[in-house]
């Protein structure tokens, strides 16, 4: 135990290979058992654990009303800065808890999941660090994990890898609200959609989600709290980004990406953070990367408290799982549903919204809410729904893994897509599902 605690206390600015990373995480768990929980969500192709450290006042389990947040790094094994930044973020959070009132309140009201490496095999395979490209980008089977998820726009024929499957199951088993995955090779915050079709605006070079305004806000939150990203300078004259952000499709089309999967099937808003022009920079630059990103990493977590949250219950006060709860005018192609505790979380910018709760087979209920900016209070606006006439038992609800937006495109082939048309199409799809 003493050795583990010493390992936790000895974090420095260098690259930590598998054994050192595991020792550090176990040391943190031993030194801070009240606010941390360490577990593996699966194994890589070569059998390495995919470690996740959970931080918060209730680290071992979900607590009603407390949103779930996650950071994932090192998805491409040769993109290494995020891996080390997340270790230093862990160190900062645990050492600040109980001392810094902001961090203490953040951890008391948020359950934070941190995965320093999604591709440990690729990291260990990168024997010669390179700024631009190496085989370590891929997993042991030679697959790009950020092209390996089901895609909402077209059939992705790639064989699902163990690392991808582990993350998909992780998303399924938690109620993640907000997320970011950390990459390297550019300096920009990229947001959904990465893929697209004519319905989402791909013909104009932009693939717009129903929550495009929220995604822009999330990307700007990170870029403007980063030391340099918001300046939009990029890494060379050919790669500049206004305000340090970009729509994923506008940058380049990507099939099978993790951020689109989170948004469509995980009900989780995720952006991609490209944090270094050099994919695998020298160790002596790591401390500066930490200084550049520290504030942005914290401010981004706070955004999990945007919008509105609540529970949907029946006449006896029992939670109703699988109820559909969405803001009117923002239909998701796979409708957002309550979890097993009847909870919903909707990320929305401050403003007036109509929130529609629907229990399948029963009538809907609409409530108008005025949403303030509650990120500083670490709690989204609370709005519950009670269906007094409903006595409801949990029913399994699933969303097809087929390319859902193909249905939208077929429907829009003969009719020009407008917001009202898209809303009508969504309602039809929900009814048929």
Protein backbone atom coordinates (compact mmCIF):
# COMPACT_ATOMS: atom_id res chain seq x y z
CA UNK A 1 0.00 0.00 0.00
CA UNK A 2 2.84 2.38 0.89
CA UNK A 3 4.46 1.74 -2.49
CA UNK A 4 1.17 2.55 -4.26
CA UNK A 5 0.75 5.78 -2.31
CA UNK A 6 4.32 6.77 -3.17
CA UNK A 7 3.64 6.01 -6.84
CA UNK A 8 0.60 8.29 -6.71
CA UNK A 9 2.65 11.07 -5.18
CA UNK A 10 5.50 10.82 -7.67
CA UNK A 11 3.76 11.98 -10.85
CA UNK A 12 6.13 13.94 -13.01
CA UNK A 13 6.10 15.30 -16.55
CA UNK A 14 7.18 12.32 -18.61
CA UNK A 15 5.53 9.47 -20.48
CA UNK A 16 4.18 6.68 -18.32
CA UNK A 17 4.08 3.23 -19.86
CA UNK A 18 1.53 0.58 -18.96
CA UNK A 19 3.02 -0.66 -15.69
CA UNK A 20 3.71 2.86 -14.44
CA UNK A 21 0.26 4.09 -15.45
CA UNK A 22 -1.42 1.20 -13.64
CA UNK A 23 0.72 1.75 -10.54
CA UNK A 24 -0.15 5.43 -10.53
CA UNK A 25 -3.89 4.84 -10.83
CA UNK A 26 -3.83 2.18 -8.13
CA UNK A 27 -1.83 4.53 -5.91
CA UNK A 28 -4.42 7.27 -6.37
CA UNK A 29 -7.16 4.83 -5.46
CA UNK A 30 -5.29 3.77 -2.32
CA UNK A 31 -4.50 7.33 -1.27
CA UNK A 32 -8.00 8.74 -1.93
CA UNK A 33 -10.50 5.90 -1.39
CA UNK A 34 -13.40 8.19 -0.42
CA UNK A 35 -13.54 10.04 -3.75
CA UNK A 36 -12.09 7.56 -6.28
CA UNK A 37 -12.98 4.22 -7.79
CA UNK A 38 -10.73 2.31 -10.20
CA UNK A 39 -12.00 -0.34 -12.56
CA UNK A 40 -11.24 -1.88 -15.94
CA UNK A 41 -13.99 -1.72 -18.56
CA UNK A 42 -12.35 -4.42 -20.70
CA UNK A 43 -9.09 -5.49 -22.28
CA UNK A 44 -7.17 -4.62 -25.39
CA UNK A 45 -6.32 -7.13 -28.11
CA UNK A 46 -3.05 -7.92 -26.30
CA UNK A 47 -4.83 -8.25 -22.96
CA UNK A 48 -4.00 -4.90 -21.36
CA UNK A 49 -6.65 -3.47 -19.04
CA UNK A 50 -8.63 -0.44 -20.18
CA UNK A 51 -8.50 1.43 -16.88
CA UNK A 52 -11.04 4.05 -15.82
CA UNK A 53 -10.65 6.12 -12.68
CA UNK A 54 -13.93 7.56 -11.38
CA UNK A 55 -13.87 10.66 -9.18
CA UNK A 56 -16.65 12.19 -7.12
CA UNK A 57 -18.46 12.10 -3.82
CA UNK A 58 -20.17 8.86 -4.92
CA UNK A 59 -17.46 7.28 -7.08
CA UNK A 60 -18.72 3.68 -7.07
CA UNK A 61 -22.26 4.20 -8.35
CA UNK A 62 -24.63 6.59 -10.08
CA UNK A 63 -26.51 8.94 -7.79
CA UNK A 64 -29.86 10.39 -8.89
CA UNK A 65 -29.43 13.97 -10.03
CA UNK A 66 -25.66 13.85 -10.40
CA UNK A 67 -24.58 13.85 -14.07
CA UNK A 68 -21.89 11.56 -15.47
CA UNK A 69 -18.93 13.01 -17.37
CA UNK A 70 -16.03 11.31 -19.15
CA UNK A 71 -12.66 12.04 -20.73
CA UNK A 72 -11.04 9.47 -23.04
CA UNK A 73 -7.48 9.81 -24.36
CA UNK A 74 -4.90 7.94 -26.43
CA UNK A 75 -7.53 6.42 -28.75
CA UNK A 76 -4.82 6.61 -31.37
CA UNK A 77 -1.84 5.05 -29.64
CA UNK A 78 0.72 7.45 -31.10
CA UNK A 79 -1.24 10.56 -30.01
CA UNK A 80 0.16 10.81 -26.53
CA UNK A 81 -0.35 14.24 -24.98
CA UNK A 82 -3.90 13.56 -23.80
CA UNK A 83 -2.77 10.40 -22.00
CA UNK A 84 -0.41 12.42 -19.78
CA UNK A 85 -2.76 15.39 -19.40
CA UNK A 86 -5.42 13.15 -17.90
CA UNK A 87 -2.99 11.76 -15.34
CA UNK A 88 -2.14 15.32 -14.29
CA UNK A 89 -5.84 16.22 -14.25
CA UNK A 90 -6.43 13.33 -11.83
CA UNK A 91 -3.57 14.58 -9.66
CA UNK A 92 -4.96 18.12 -9.66
CA UNK A 93 -8.50 17.01 -8.77
CA UNK A 94 -7.60 14.75 -5.86
CA UNK A 95 -5.07 17.16 -4.35
CA UNK A 96 -7.48 20.10 -4.67
CA UNK A 97 -10.50 18.33 -3.17
CA UNK A 98 -11.28 19.75 0.26
CA UNK A 99 -8.88 22.64 -0.31
CA UNK A 100 -10.18 24.42 -3.39
CA UNK A 101 -13.91 25.27 -2.99
CA UNK A 102 -14.59 25.16 -6.74
CA UNK A 103 -13.01 21.74 -7.28
CA UNK A 104 -14.65 20.44 -4.11
CA UNK A 105 -18.08 21.55 -5.32
CA UNK A 106 -17.38 20.16 -8.78
CA UNK A 107 -16.54 16.70 -7.42
CA UNK A 108 -19.45 16.77 -4.97
CA UNK A 109 -21.91 17.40 -7.80
CA UNK A 110 -20.37 15.53 -10.74
CA UNK A 111 -19.24 11.95 -11.32
CA UNK A 112 -16.13 12.18 -13.49
CA UNK A 113 -14.79 9.17 -15.42
CA UNK A 114 -11.24 9.37 -16.78
CA UNK A 115 -9.75 6.84 -19.22
CA UNK A 116 -6.11 7.82 -19.87
CA UNK A 117 -5.67 5.29 -22.67
CA UNK A 118 -8.17 3.55 -24.92
CA UNK A 119 -5.39 2.04 -27.05
CA UNK A 120 -2.58 0.87 -24.74
CA UNK A 121 -1.32 -1.61 -27.35
CA UNK A 122 -0.81 1.16 -29.88
CA UNK A 123 1.02 3.30 -27.36
CA UNK A 124 3.42 0.48 -26.44
CA UNK A 125 3.94 -0.34 -30.14
CA UNK A 126 5.16 3.20 -30.87
CA UNK A 127 8.87 2.56 -30.37
CA UNK A 128 10.06 5.60 -32.32
CA UNK A 129 8.00 8.72 -31.46
CA UNK A 130 6.97 10.71 -34.52
CA UNK A 131 5.16 14.00 -34.95
CA UNK A 132 3.02 12.94 -37.88
CA UNK A 133 2.32 9.23 -38.18
CA UNK A 134 3.26 5.77 -36.95
CA UNK A 135 1.73 2.29 -36.91
CA UNK A 136 0.98 2.88 -33.24
CA UNK A 137 -2.05 4.86 -34.36
CA UNK A 138 -3.90 1.56 -34.76
CA UNK A 139 -4.71 -1.22 -32.31
CA UNK A 140 -2.92 -4.58 -32.43
CA UNK A 141 -5.25 -5.76 -35.19
CA UNK A 142 -4.30 -2.80 -37.36
CA UNK A 143 -7.69 -1.10 -36.95
CA UNK A 144 -8.31 2.61 -36.45
CA UNK A 145 -10.54 2.74 -33.37
CA UNK A 146 -11.97 6.11 -34.42
CA UNK A 147 -13.36 4.52 -37.59
CA UNK A 148 -14.69 1.46 -35.78
CA UNK A 149 -18.06 2.47 -34.30
CA UNK A 150 -21.51 2.03 -35.84
CA UNK A 151 -22.31 4.98 -38.08
CA UNK A 152 -25.63 6.81 -38.26
CA UNK A 153 -25.27 7.67 -41.94
CA UNK A 154 -23.94 4.56 -43.68
CA UNK A 155 -23.12 0.94 -42.98
CA UNK A 156 -19.75 0.62 -41.29
CA UNK A 157 -18.42 -2.80 -42.25
CA UNK A 158 -15.38 -2.68 -39.95
CA UNK A 159 -15.16 -5.53 -37.43
CA UNK A 160 -15.85 -4.17 -33.96
CA UNK A 161 -12.61 -4.34 -31.97
CA UNK A 162 -12.34 -5.34 -28.28
CA UNK A 163 -11.45 -1.79 -27.27
CA UNK A 164 -14.42 -0.38 -29.20
CA UNK A 165 -16.80 -2.98 -27.79
CA UNK A 166 -15.65 -2.19 -24.26
CA UNK A 167 -16.37 1.52 -24.76
CA UNK A 168 -19.76 0.80 -26.34
CA UNK A 169 -20.75 -1.33 -23.34
CA UNK A 170 -19.43 1.33 -20.99
CA UNK A 171 -21.60 3.96 -22.67
CA UNK A 172 -24.59 1.64 -22.51
CA UNK A 173 -24.16 0.94 -18.80
CA UNK A 174 -23.70 4.54 -17.65
CA UNK A 175 -25.78 7.71 -18.06
CA UNK A 176 -23.12 9.86 -19.65
CA UNK A 177 -24.20 13.43 -20.40
CA UNK A 178 -21.02 15.06 -21.65
CA UNK A 179 -17.67 13.79 -22.91
CA UNK A 180 -14.53 14.66 -24.82
CA UNK A 181 -11.92 12.50 -26.50
CA UNK A 182 -8.35 13.78 -26.62
CA UNK A 183 -6.26 13.50 -29.78
CA UNK A 184 -3.16 15.05 -31.36
CA UNK A 185 -1.97 16.25 -34.74
CA UNK A 186 -3.82 19.60 -34.79
CA UNK A 187 -4.98 22.36 -32.46
CA UNK A 188 -8.76 22.57 -32.60
CA UNK A 189 -12.01 21.55 -30.90
CA UNK A 190 -14.09 19.55 -33.37
CA UNK A 191 -17.78 18.76 -32.91
CA UNK A 192 -20.58 16.56 -34.28
CA UNK A 193 -21.38 15.53 -36.94
CA UNK A 194 -18.27 13.92 -38.39
CA UNK A 195 -20.33 12.26 -41.10
CA UNK A 196 -23.44 13.49 -42.87
CA UNK A 197 -25.77 13.60 -45.82
CA UNK A 198 -27.98 16.11 -47.59
CA UNK A 199 -30.44 16.24 -44.68
CA UNK A 200 -27.77 17.42 -42.24
CA UNK A 201 -26.31 19.90 -44.72
CA UNK A 202 -23.39 17.99 -46.19
CA UNK A 203 -24.03 19.52 -49.62
CA UNK A 204 -23.06 22.86 -48.06
CA UNK A 205 -19.98 21.33 -46.44
CA UNK A 206 -21.38 21.32 -42.91
CA UNK A 207 -23.15 18.49 -41.08
CA UNK A 208 -25.50 20.06 -38.56
CA UNK A 209 -26.94 18.24 -35.56
CA UNK A 210 -30.21 19.29 -33.86
CA UNK A 211 -28.06 20.68 -31.01
CA UNK A 212 -25.58 22.55 -33.17
CA UNK A 213 -25.71 25.67 -30.96
CA UNK A 214 -24.82 23.63 -27.88
CA UNK A 215 -21.92 21.93 -29.65
CA UNK A 216 -20.54 25.28 -30.81
CA UNK A 217 -20.74 26.53 -27.22
CA UNK A 218 -18.96 23.42 -25.93
CA UNK A 219 -16.18 23.72 -28.48
CA UNK A 220 -15.73 27.42 -27.74
CA UNK A 221 -15.71 26.75 -24.00
CA UNK A 222 -12.61 24.64 -24.50
CA UNK A 223 -10.91 26.77 -27.15
CA UNK A 224 -11.33 30.07 -25.28
CA UNK A 225 -10.09 28.60 -22.00
CA UNK A 226 -7.07 27.11 -23.75
CA UNK A 227 -3.94 29.24 -23.87
CA UNK A 228 -3.76 29.37 -27.69
CA UNK A 229 -6.48 27.31 -29.36
CA UNK A 230 -9.00 30.17 -29.65
CA UNK A 231 -6.54 32.20 -31.73
CA UNK A 232 -7.22 29.81 -34.62
CA UNK A 233 -3.62 29.80 -35.75
CA UNK A 234 -3.54 26.04 -36.28
CA UNK A 235 -0.36 24.14 -37.02
CA UNK A 236 0.59 25.51 -40.44
CA UNK A 237 -0.65 27.94 -43.04
CA UNK A 238 -2.90 25.31 -44.60
CA UNK A 239 -4.74 24.44 -41.39
CA UNK A 240 -6.43 27.35 -39.63
CA UNK A 241 -9.67 27.27 -37.66
CA UNK A 242 -11.75 30.35 -36.82
CA UNK A 243 -11.94 30.67 -33.01
CA UNK A 244 -10.18 27.32 -32.72
CA UNK A 245 -13.26 25.22 -33.49
CA UNK A 246 -14.65 23.27 -36.44
CA UNK A 247 -17.60 21.15 -37.42
CA UNK A 248 -16.16 17.67 -37.91
CA UNK A 249 -17.58 17.19 -41.41
CA UNK A 250 -16.37 20.64 -42.47
CA UNK A 251 -12.83 19.61 -41.57
CA UNK A 252 -12.97 16.15 -43.15
CA UNK A 253 -15.58 13.42 -43.41
CA UNK A 254 -15.16 10.57 -40.97
CA UNK A 255 -17.12 7.30 -40.90
CA UNK A 256 -17.49 5.28 -37.69
CA UNK A 257 -16.29 7.99 -35.32
CA UNK A 258 -16.72 7.84 -31.56
CA UNK A 259 -18.18 11.32 -31.05
CA UNK A 260 -21.11 10.74 -33.42
CA UNK A 261 -21.75 7.36 -31.79
CA UNK A 262 -21.90 8.99 -28.34
CA UNK A 263 -24.39 11.59 -29.51
CA UNK A 264 -26.71 9.33 -31.51
CA UNK A 265 -26.71 6.13 -29.46
CA UNK A 266 -25.28 7.16 -26.11
CA UNK A 267 -27.33 10.34 -25.52
CA UNK A 268 -23.98 11.92 -24.66
CA UNK A 269 -22.61 15.13 -26.19
CA UNK A 270 -18.98 14.53 -27.12
CA UNK A 271 -16.41 16.71 -28.86
CA UNK A 272 -12.95 15.82 -30.15
CA UNK A 273 -10.02 17.83 -28.78
CA UNK A 274 -6.91 18.00 -30.94
CA UNK A 275 -4.31 19.27 -28.47
CA UNK A 276 -0.89 19.17 -30.12
CA UNK A 277 0.48 19.77 -33.59
CA UNK A 278 3.01 17.03 -32.94
CA UNK A 279 1.31 13.72 -32.22
CA UNK A 280 4.08 12.39 -29.95
CA UNK A 281 6.09 15.44 -28.74
CA UNK A 282 9.22 15.30 -26.57
CA UNK A 283 8.70 14.84 -22.85
CA UNK A 284 10.16 18.24 -22.01
CA UNK A 285 7.08 19.86 -23.62
CA UNK A 286 4.52 18.06 -21.45
CA UNK A 287 4.54 20.59 -18.62
CA UNK A 288 3.69 23.40 -21.04
CA UNK A 289 0.86 21.34 -22.52
CA UNK A 290 -0.52 20.96 -19.00
CA UNK A 291 -0.35 24.71 -18.38
CA UNK A 292 -2.05 25.40 -21.73
CA UNK A 293 -4.93 22.95 -21.09
CA UNK A 294 -5.47 22.93 -17.32
CA UNK A 295 -8.17 25.60 -17.11
CA UNK A 296 -9.92 24.39 -20.27
CA UNK A 297 -10.13 20.82 -18.96
CA UNK A 298 -11.88 22.03 -15.79
CA UNK A 299 -14.18 24.57 -17.45
CA UNK A 300 -15.31 21.98 -19.98
CA UNK A 301 -16.34 19.55 -17.21
CA UNK A 302 -18.55 22.26 -15.70
CA UNK A 303 -20.66 22.30 -18.89
CA UNK A 304 -22.21 18.98 -17.87
CA UNK A 305 -24.47 21.16 -15.68
CA UNK A 306 -25.96 23.07 -18.62
CA UNK A 307 -29.65 22.81 -19.38
CA UNK A 308 -32.33 20.83 -17.62
CA UNK A 309 -32.60 17.53 -15.77
CA UNK A 310 -35.26 15.64 -13.85
CA UNK A 311 -37.23 12.44 -13.32
CA UNK A 312 -40.29 10.98 -14.96
CA UNK A 313 -42.51 9.07 -12.51
CA UNK A 314 -45.86 7.29 -12.46
CA UNK A 315 -48.88 7.87 -10.20
CA UNK A 316 -47.20 6.02 -7.35
CA UNK A 317 -43.96 7.97 -7.59
CA UNK A 318 -42.12 5.10 -9.25
CA UNK A 319 -39.55 6.00 -11.92
CA UNK A 320 -40.52 5.41 -15.55
CA UNK A 321 -37.59 4.13 -17.63
CA UNK A 322 -37.54 4.60 -21.40
CA UNK A 323 -39.83 7.63 -21.44
CA UNK A 324 -38.90 9.98 -24.28
CA UNK A 325 -37.88 13.45 -23.07
CA UNK A 326 -36.69 16.03 -25.60
CA UNK A 327 -36.87 19.77 -26.19
CA UNK A 328 -39.39 20.63 -28.87
CA UNK A 329 -37.73 21.54 -32.14
CA UNK A 330 -34.70 19.37 -31.29
CA UNK A 331 -35.71 15.84 -32.27
CA UNK A 332 -32.98 13.24 -32.13
CA UNK A 333 -33.02 10.53 -34.77
CA UNK A 334 -32.77 8.04 -31.91
CA UNK A 335 -35.08 9.64 -29.31
CA UNK A 336 -33.49 10.46 -25.95
CA UNK A 337 -34.99 8.31 -23.20
CA UNK A 338 -34.95 8.17 -19.42
CA UNK A 339 -32.64 5.71 -17.65
CA UNK A 340 -33.67 3.00 -15.19
CA UNK A 341 -34.17 5.64 -12.47
CA UNK A 342 -36.48 7.59 -14.77
CA UNK A 343 -33.88 10.34 -15.18
CA UNK A 344 -33.20 12.56 -18.14
CA UNK A 345 -30.47 15.13 -18.80
CA UNK A 346 -30.72 17.62 -21.67
CA UNK A 347 -27.84 19.98 -22.45
CA UNK A 348 -29.38 23.30 -23.52
CA UNK A 349 -28.13 26.87 -23.60
CA UNK A 350 -29.89 29.48 -21.42
CA UNK A 351 -33.30 30.39 -22.82
CA UNK A 352 -36.97 29.40 -22.94
CA UNK A 353 -37.82 25.87 -24.09
CA UNK A 354 -40.77 23.52 -24.24
CA UNK A 355 -39.79 20.12 -22.84
CA UNK A 356 -41.90 17.22 -24.07
CA UNK A 357 -42.10 14.01 -22.01
CA UNK A 358 -43.78 11.02 -23.64
CA UNK A 359 -44.52 7.63 -22.11
CA UNK A 360 -44.99 5.24 -25.07
CA UNK A 361 -48.63 4.23 -25.27
CA UNK A 362 -49.82 7.24 -23.24
CA UNK A 363 -50.25 10.94 -23.90
CA UNK A 364 -47.40 13.41 -23.79
CA UNK A 365 -46.80 16.16 -21.28
CA UNK A 366 -45.25 19.50 -22.25
CA UNK A 367 -43.77 22.01 -19.81
CA UNK A 368 -42.31 25.41 -20.59
CA UNK A 369 -39.07 26.10 -18.77
CA UNK A 370 -36.80 29.13 -18.49
CA UNK A 371 -33.26 27.77 -18.33
CA UNK A 372 -30.58 29.92 -16.65
CA UNK A 373 -26.83 29.39 -16.82
CA UNK A 374 -26.38 27.12 -13.82
CA UNK A 375 -22.89 25.84 -14.60
CA UNK A 376 -21.48 28.01 -11.83
CA UNK A 377 -23.94 26.45 -9.37
CA UNK A 378 -23.04 22.93 -10.54
CA UNK A 379 -26.66 21.92 -11.10
CA UNK A 380 -28.84 22.07 -14.19
CA UNK A 381 -32.41 23.32 -13.81
CA UNK A 382 -34.59 20.60 -12.26
CA UNK A 383 -37.91 19.81 -13.94
CA UNK A 384 -39.77 16.58 -13.09
CA UNK A 385 -42.72 14.99 -14.88
CA UNK A 386 -45.39 12.94 -13.10
CA UNK A 387 -47.89 10.84 -15.07
CA UNK A 388 -50.54 10.28 -12.41
CA UNK A 389 -52.70 8.08 -14.65
CA UNK A 390 -49.83 5.78 -15.62
CA UNK A 391 -48.85 2.63 -13.81
CA UNK A 392 -45.89 1.63 -15.87
CA UNK A 393 -43.55 -1.31 -15.85
CA UNK A 394 -40.09 -1.07 -17.39
CA UNK A 395 -39.98 -2.08 -21.04
CA UNK A 396 -36.89 -2.68 -23.06
CA UNK A 397 -36.17 0.11 -25.49
CA UNK A 398 -33.55 -0.07 -28.16
CA UNK A 399 -32.39 2.04 -31.03
CA UNK A 400 -31.45 0.25 -34.26
CA UNK A 401 -27.77 0.09 -35.11
CA UNK A 402 -28.56 0.57 -38.80
CA UNK A 403 -27.71 3.92 -40.44
CA UNK A 404 -30.64 5.95 -39.13
CA UNK A 405 -30.07 9.08 -41.19
CA UNK A 406 -30.54 7.08 -44.40
CA UNK A 407 -34.27 7.17 -43.59
CA UNK A 408 -34.14 10.96 -43.33
CA UNK A 409 -32.35 11.25 -46.66
CA UNK A 410 -34.85 9.03 -48.45
CA UNK A 411 -37.73 11.06 -47.04
CA UNK A 412 -36.11 14.34 -48.04
CA UNK A 413 -35.32 13.27 -51.60
CA UNK A 414 -38.69 14.52 -52.84
CA UNK A 415 -39.25 17.26 -50.27
CA UNK A 416 -36.84 20.06 -49.39
CA UNK A 417 -35.78 19.57 -45.80
CA UNK A 418 -37.06 22.22 -43.37
CA UNK A 419 -37.20 22.16 -39.56
CA UNK A 420 -40.91 21.30 -39.65
CA UNK A 421 -40.35 18.52 -42.17
CA UNK A 422 -37.52 17.07 -40.09
CA UNK A 423 -39.72 17.17 -36.99
CA UNK A 424 -42.52 15.36 -38.85
CA UNK A 425 -40.12 12.71 -40.15
CA UNK A 426 -38.82 12.13 -36.63
CA UNK A 427 -42.33 11.68 -35.25
CA UNK A 428 -43.10 9.15 -37.99
CA UNK A 429 -39.90 7.24 -37.27
CA UNK A 430 -40.71 7.15 -33.54
CA UNK A 431 -44.20 5.80 -34.24
CA UNK A 432 -42.89 3.05 -36.51
CA UNK A 433 -40.15 2.09 -34.00
